[in-house]
C-alpha cells in the first residue's frame, strides 16, 4: 500500500512540475465542441466527453473552457489557433489537413456506420454498391475508406451541420444513407420516435480516439497522456464509458 501511495504521489508531482515549468497557461485553454450526444450535448453542457474532461481537469489542474461551433468551423478555428483542444478525434481524420494537430494516447474506440430507411438498400462497405447513391455526411467529417469513391464522384455527398439534420433528410427520402457514429445514432434513435424506421447497415470505419492538441500547445501532450494513463489505470475511463453503453 505504501508503494502504491508513493507511486501516486510522484505521478502527481510530475504533473505539477510540468505545469509549473510550462508557459502559456495563463488563459483558459479552449476546447472546441459541437453537438454530438451522448458524447457532447450543448443543450445540457454535459456528455461523456464533458465528464472525461472534468476528470482530466481535476487530475491536472488545467483551466479548460468549452466553446461550441458547427464542426467545420471548429476545425477551421483549430487551424487558426483559436481552438486549442478537440476531444474525441483520430489522426486518420486529419492526415491531409493544413493543421493535423498533435494527439494524445487514445482513450476510447468508436465505430461509424451507415444508416438507411427500412427499405431495400445497398451496403456501404461495398464501394461499387454505393455508386450513384446520395450519402449524408456531417460537414467537416472524414471517412478514409471512402476517399477514392468520393474523389471520383461515384457517389454524391450531401453535407449538413449535424446528424439530426441528415437523419431528417433520410426520413424524407432526400438521400439514401447517412454515415454516422454508431453510439450517436443509437442515442438519437432511442430518443426520437421518428427515427424508429431507420436501421444500421454496415460499418464504415473503426477508430481509436484521443485528444487533438494544437501544435502551439505541444507541451500539453505529456501532461494529458499522464492523466489518461492514470485514469485508465484506476478504472475511471472504463467505468465512465461502460456505464453509458
Protein backbone atom coordinates (compact mmCIF):
# COMPACT_ATOMS: atom_id res chain seq x y z
CA UNK A 1 0.00 0.00 0.00
CA UNK A 2 2.87 2.37 0.84
CA UNK A 3 4.47 1.71 -2.53
CA UNK A 4 1.18 2.47 -4.31
CA UNK A 5 0.86 5.73 -2.37
CA UNK A 6 4.42 6.70 -3.27
CA UNK A 7 3.82 5.96 -6.97
CA UNK A 8 0.66 8.08 -6.99
CA UNK A 9 2.47 10.88 -5.14
CA UNK A 10 5.33 11.03 -7.63
CA UNK A 11 2.94 10.93 -10.60
CA UNK A 12 1.05 13.90 -9.14
CA UNK A 13 4.34 15.71 -8.52
CA UNK A 14 5.41 15.09 -12.12
CA UNK A 15 2.19 16.64 -13.43
CA UNK A 16 2.50 19.63 -11.10
CA UNK A 17 6.14 20.28 -12.04
CA UNK A 18 5.33 20.01 -15.74
CA UNK A 19 2.56 22.58 -15.40
CA UNK A 20 4.67 24.94 -13.32
CA UNK A 21 7.51 24.82 -15.83
CA UNK A 22 5.27 25.22 -18.88
CA UNK A 23 4.49 28.69 -20.25
CA UNK A 24 1.19 29.62 -21.88
CA UNK A 25 -1.36 28.50 -19.25
CA UNK A 26 -2.32 31.99 -18.04
CA UNK A 27 -5.50 31.94 -20.10
CA UNK A 28 -8.07 29.11 -20.22
CA UNK A 29 -7.40 26.53 -22.90
CA UNK A 30 -10.26 26.48 -25.42
CA UNK A 31 -11.90 23.12 -26.10
CA UNK A 32 -13.79 23.20 -29.39
CA UNK A 33 -17.09 21.36 -29.07
CA UNK A 34 -20.08 20.56 -31.27
CA UNK A 35 -23.45 18.90 -30.83
CA UNK A 36 -22.62 15.20 -30.60
CA UNK A 37 -24.80 13.45 -27.99
CA UNK A 38 -24.25 11.36 -25.94
CA UNK A 39 -20.59 12.40 -26.10
CA UNK A 40 -21.23 16.16 -26.12
CA UNK A 41 -24.61 17.84 -25.54
CA UNK A 42 -24.68 21.60 -25.99
CA UNK A 43 -28.17 21.90 -24.50
CA UNK A 44 -27.18 20.42 -21.15
CA UNK A 45 -23.46 21.27 -21.22
CA UNK A 46 -22.88 17.63 -20.44
CA UNK A 47 -21.97 14.33 -22.05
CA UNK A 48 -19.27 11.69 -21.84
CA UNK A 49 -16.51 13.94 -23.15
CA UNK A 50 -17.55 16.67 -20.70
CA UNK A 51 -17.25 14.16 -17.87
CA UNK A 52 -13.91 12.90 -19.18
CA UNK A 53 -12.53 16.45 -19.27
CA UNK A 54 -13.78 17.06 -15.72
CA UNK A 55 -11.73 14.04 -14.61
CA UNK A 56 -8.68 15.26 -16.53
CA UNK A 57 -9.03 18.84 -15.24
CA UNK A 58 -9.24 17.59 -11.66
CA UNK A 59 -6.17 15.47 -12.27
CA UNK A 60 -4.05 18.15 -13.95
CA UNK A 61 -5.48 21.45 -12.60
CA UNK A 62 -5.65 22.74 -16.19
CA UNK A 63 -8.05 25.65 -16.81
CA UNK A 64 -10.26 24.42 -19.65
CA UNK A 65 -13.16 26.23 -21.33
CA UNK A 66 -15.72 24.69 -23.69
CA UNK A 67 -16.82 26.68 -26.75
CA UNK A 68 -19.42 25.34 -29.21
CA UNK A 69 -19.26 25.61 -33.01
CA UNK A 70 -20.56 23.67 -36.01
CA UNK A 71 -17.89 21.02 -36.61
CA UNK A 72 -16.49 22.51 -39.85
CA UNK A 73 -16.00 25.89 -38.14
CA UNK A 74 -14.36 24.22 -35.15
CA UNK A 75 -11.85 22.59 -37.48
CA UNK A 76 -11.18 25.92 -39.21
CA UNK A 77 -10.67 27.70 -35.87
CA UNK A 78 -8.33 24.90 -34.78
CA UNK A 79 -6.22 25.59 -37.86
CA UNK A 80 -6.18 29.30 -36.97
CA UNK A 81 -5.15 28.58 -33.38
CA UNK A 82 -8.42 29.89 -31.91
CA UNK A 83 -9.25 26.38 -30.65
CA UNK A 84 -6.59 24.64 -28.56
CA UNK A 85 -8.10 21.20 -27.97
CA UNK A 86 -10.60 18.84 -29.57
CA UNK A 87 -11.78 15.82 -27.59
CA UNK A 88 -12.55 12.50 -29.28
CA UNK A 89 -10.59 12.83 -32.51
CA UNK A 90 -8.44 10.46 -34.57
CA UNK A 91 -5.24 11.15 -36.54
CA UNK A 92 -6.76 9.33 -39.55
CA UNK A 93 -9.36 12.08 -39.96
CA UNK A 94 -6.82 14.88 -40.32
CA UNK A 95 -3.95 13.50 -42.41
CA UNK A 96 -4.45 15.90 -45.34
CA UNK A 97 -5.47 18.95 -43.34
CA UNK A 98 -3.26 22.06 -43.12
CA UNK A 99 -3.01 21.66 -39.33
CA UNK A 100 -3.49 17.97 -38.46
CA UNK A 101 -2.63 18.66 -34.83
CA UNK A 102 -0.89 16.55 -32.23
CA UNK A 103 -2.58 13.63 -30.48
CA UNK A 104 -2.55 12.17 -27.02
CA UNK A 105 -2.73 8.47 -26.36
CA UNK A 106 -6.11 7.01 -27.26
CA UNK A 107 -8.73 6.79 -24.52
CA UNK A 108 -11.63 5.07 -26.34
CA UNK A 109 -12.66 3.31 -29.58
CA UNK A 110 -15.62 4.18 -31.78
CA UNK A 111 -17.41 2.72 -34.79
CA UNK A 112 -19.03 4.61 -37.66
CA UNK A 113 -21.91 3.02 -39.54
CA UNK A 114 -24.19 3.60 -42.50
CA UNK A 115 -27.85 4.12 -41.65
CA UNK A 116 -30.74 3.62 -44.09
CA UNK A 117 -34.54 3.62 -44.24
CA UNK A 118 -36.26 0.27 -43.67
CA UNK A 119 -36.43 -0.42 -47.40
CA UNK A 120 -34.05 -2.24 -49.76
CA UNK A 121 -30.60 -0.66 -49.64
CA UNK A 122 -27.06 -1.11 -50.87
CA UNK A 123 -24.49 -1.87 -48.19
CA UNK A 124 -21.95 0.88 -47.62
CA UNK A 125 -18.65 -1.06 -47.42
CA UNK A 126 -19.21 -2.46 -50.92
CA UNK A 127 -17.66 0.53 -52.71
CA UNK A 128 -19.21 -0.37 -56.07
CA UNK A 129 -22.62 -0.85 -54.47
CA UNK A 130 -22.74 2.79 -53.38
CA UNK A 131 -22.35 4.11 -56.93
CA UNK A 132 -24.92 6.76 -57.81
CA UNK A 133 -26.19 6.89 -54.24
CA UNK A 134 -26.53 10.09 -52.22
CA UNK A 135 -24.79 9.84 -48.85
CA UNK A 136 -25.30 12.24 -45.95
CA UNK A 137 -22.17 13.32 -44.05
CA UNK A 138 -21.71 15.94 -41.35
CA UNK A 139 -19.84 18.90 -42.81
CA UNK A 140 -16.16 18.56 -41.98
CA UNK A 141 -16.24 14.83 -41.16
CA UNK A 142 -13.86 12.45 -42.90
CA UNK A 143 -14.31 8.76 -43.79
CA UNK A 144 -10.94 7.43 -45.04
CA UNK A 145 -12.23 4.18 -46.59
CA UNK A 146 -14.43 6.21 -48.97
CA UNK A 147 -11.80 8.74 -50.08
CA UNK A 148 -11.37 7.24 -53.55
CA UNK A 149 -15.08 6.81 -54.15
CA UNK A 150 -15.76 10.41 -53.13
CA UNK A 151 -12.83 11.74 -55.15
CA UNK A 152 -14.15 10.04 -58.29
CA UNK A 153 -17.62 11.38 -57.51
CA UNK A 154 -19.09 7.90 -57.88
CA UNK A 155 -21.39 8.82 -55.02
CA UNK A 156 -22.92 12.16 -54.23
CA UNK A 157 -22.13 13.66 -50.84
CA UNK A 158 -24.68 15.85 -49.08
CA UNK A 159 -23.38 17.76 -46.08
CA UNK A 160 -25.24 19.27 -43.15
CA UNK A 161 -24.17 20.79 -39.83
CA UNK A 162 -25.16 17.82 -37.65
CA UNK A 163 -26.52 14.28 -37.54
CA UNK A 164 -30.11 15.29 -36.81
CA UNK A 165 -30.33 17.33 -39.99
CA UNK A 166 -29.03 14.41 -42.03
CA UNK A 167 -31.40 11.87 -40.47
CA UNK A 168 -34.33 14.13 -41.32
CA UNK A 169 -33.18 14.21 -44.95
CA UNK A 170 -33.01 10.42 -44.88
CA UNK A 171 -36.54 10.09 -43.50
CA UNK A 172 -37.82 12.47 -46.18
CA UNK A 173 -36.15 10.33 -48.88
CA UNK A 174 -33.79 13.09 -49.96
CA UNK A 175 -30.76 10.82 -49.51
CA UNK A 176 -30.17 7.07 -49.43
CA UNK A 177 -27.82 6.67 -46.46
CA UNK A 178 -26.19 8.59 -43.62
CA UNK A 179 -22.71 7.92 -42.28
CA UNK A 180 -22.84 8.37 -38.51
CA UNK A 181 -21.21 7.25 -35.28
CA UNK A 182 -22.98 4.11 -34.07
CA UNK A 183 -23.45 5.30 -30.48
CA UNK A 184 -24.69 8.71 -31.62
CA UNK A 185 -27.26 7.01 -33.85
CA UNK A 186 -28.37 4.64 -31.09
CA UNK A 187 -28.82 7.59 -28.75
CA UNK A 188 -30.85 9.61 -31.30
CA UNK A 189 -32.81 6.51 -32.34
CA UNK A 190 -33.79 5.84 -28.74
CA UNK A 191 -34.86 9.42 -28.03
CA UNK A 192 -36.64 10.30 -31.29
CA UNK A 193 -39.67 8.18 -32.30
CA UNK A 194 -39.48 9.46 -35.88
CA UNK A 195 -36.12 7.69 -36.26
CA UNK A 196 -37.51 4.26 -35.40
CA UNK A 197 -37.87 3.41 -39.10
CA UNK A 198 -34.12 3.82 -39.62
CA UNK A 199 -31.71 0.88 -39.44
CA UNK A 200 -27.97 0.28 -39.26
CA UNK A 201 -26.49 -1.46 -42.27
CA UNK A 202 -22.70 -1.67 -42.30
CA UNK A 203 -19.56 -0.39 -40.63
CA UNK A 204 -17.80 2.44 -42.48
CA UNK A 205 -14.91 2.90 -40.06
CA UNK A 206 -13.43 1.97 -36.69
CA UNK A 207 -11.08 4.34 -34.88
CA UNK A 208 -9.17 4.85 -31.67
CA UNK A 209 -9.99 8.35 -30.46
CA UNK A 210 -7.79 10.69 -28.48
CA UNK A 211 -7.44 14.38 -27.61
CA UNK A 212 -6.28 16.56 -30.51
CA UNK A 213 -3.99 19.40 -29.44
CA UNK A 214 -2.92 22.44 -31.46
CA UNK A 215 0.85 22.38 -32.16
CA UNK A 216 1.22 25.68 -30.27
CA UNK A 217 0.47 23.69 -27.11
CA UNK A 218 2.71 20.66 -27.69
CA UNK A 219 3.73 20.83 -24.03
CA UNK A 220 0.22 19.61 -23.13
CA UNK A 221 0.73 16.16 -24.65
CA UNK A 222 2.79 14.60 -21.82
CA UNK A 223 0.52 16.24 -19.21
CA UNK A 224 -2.63 14.85 -20.82
CA UNK A 225 -1.04 11.47 -21.52
CA UNK A 226 -0.11 11.07 -17.87
CA UNK A 227 -3.68 11.91 -16.84
CA UNK A 228 -5.14 9.46 -19.37
CA UNK A 229 -2.74 6.76 -18.20
CA UNK A 230 -3.72 7.24 -14.56
CA UNK A 231 -7.46 7.42 -15.31
CA UNK A 232 -7.18 4.19 -17.28
CA UNK A 233 -5.19 2.54 -14.51
CA UNK A 234 -7.70 3.40 -11.79
CA UNK A 235 -10.64 2.33 -13.96
CA UNK A 236 -12.25 5.78 -14.25
CA UNK A 237 -12.33 5.88 -18.05
CA UNK A 238 -13.64 2.32 -18.39
CA UNK A 239 -16.32 3.00 -15.78
CA UNK A 240 -17.36 6.25 -17.49
CA UNK A 241 -17.95 4.70 -20.90
CA UNK A 242 -19.18 1.26 -19.86
CA UNK A 243 -21.78 2.79 -17.55
CA UNK A 244 -23.35 4.57 -20.52
CA UNK A 245 -23.18 1.90 -23.22
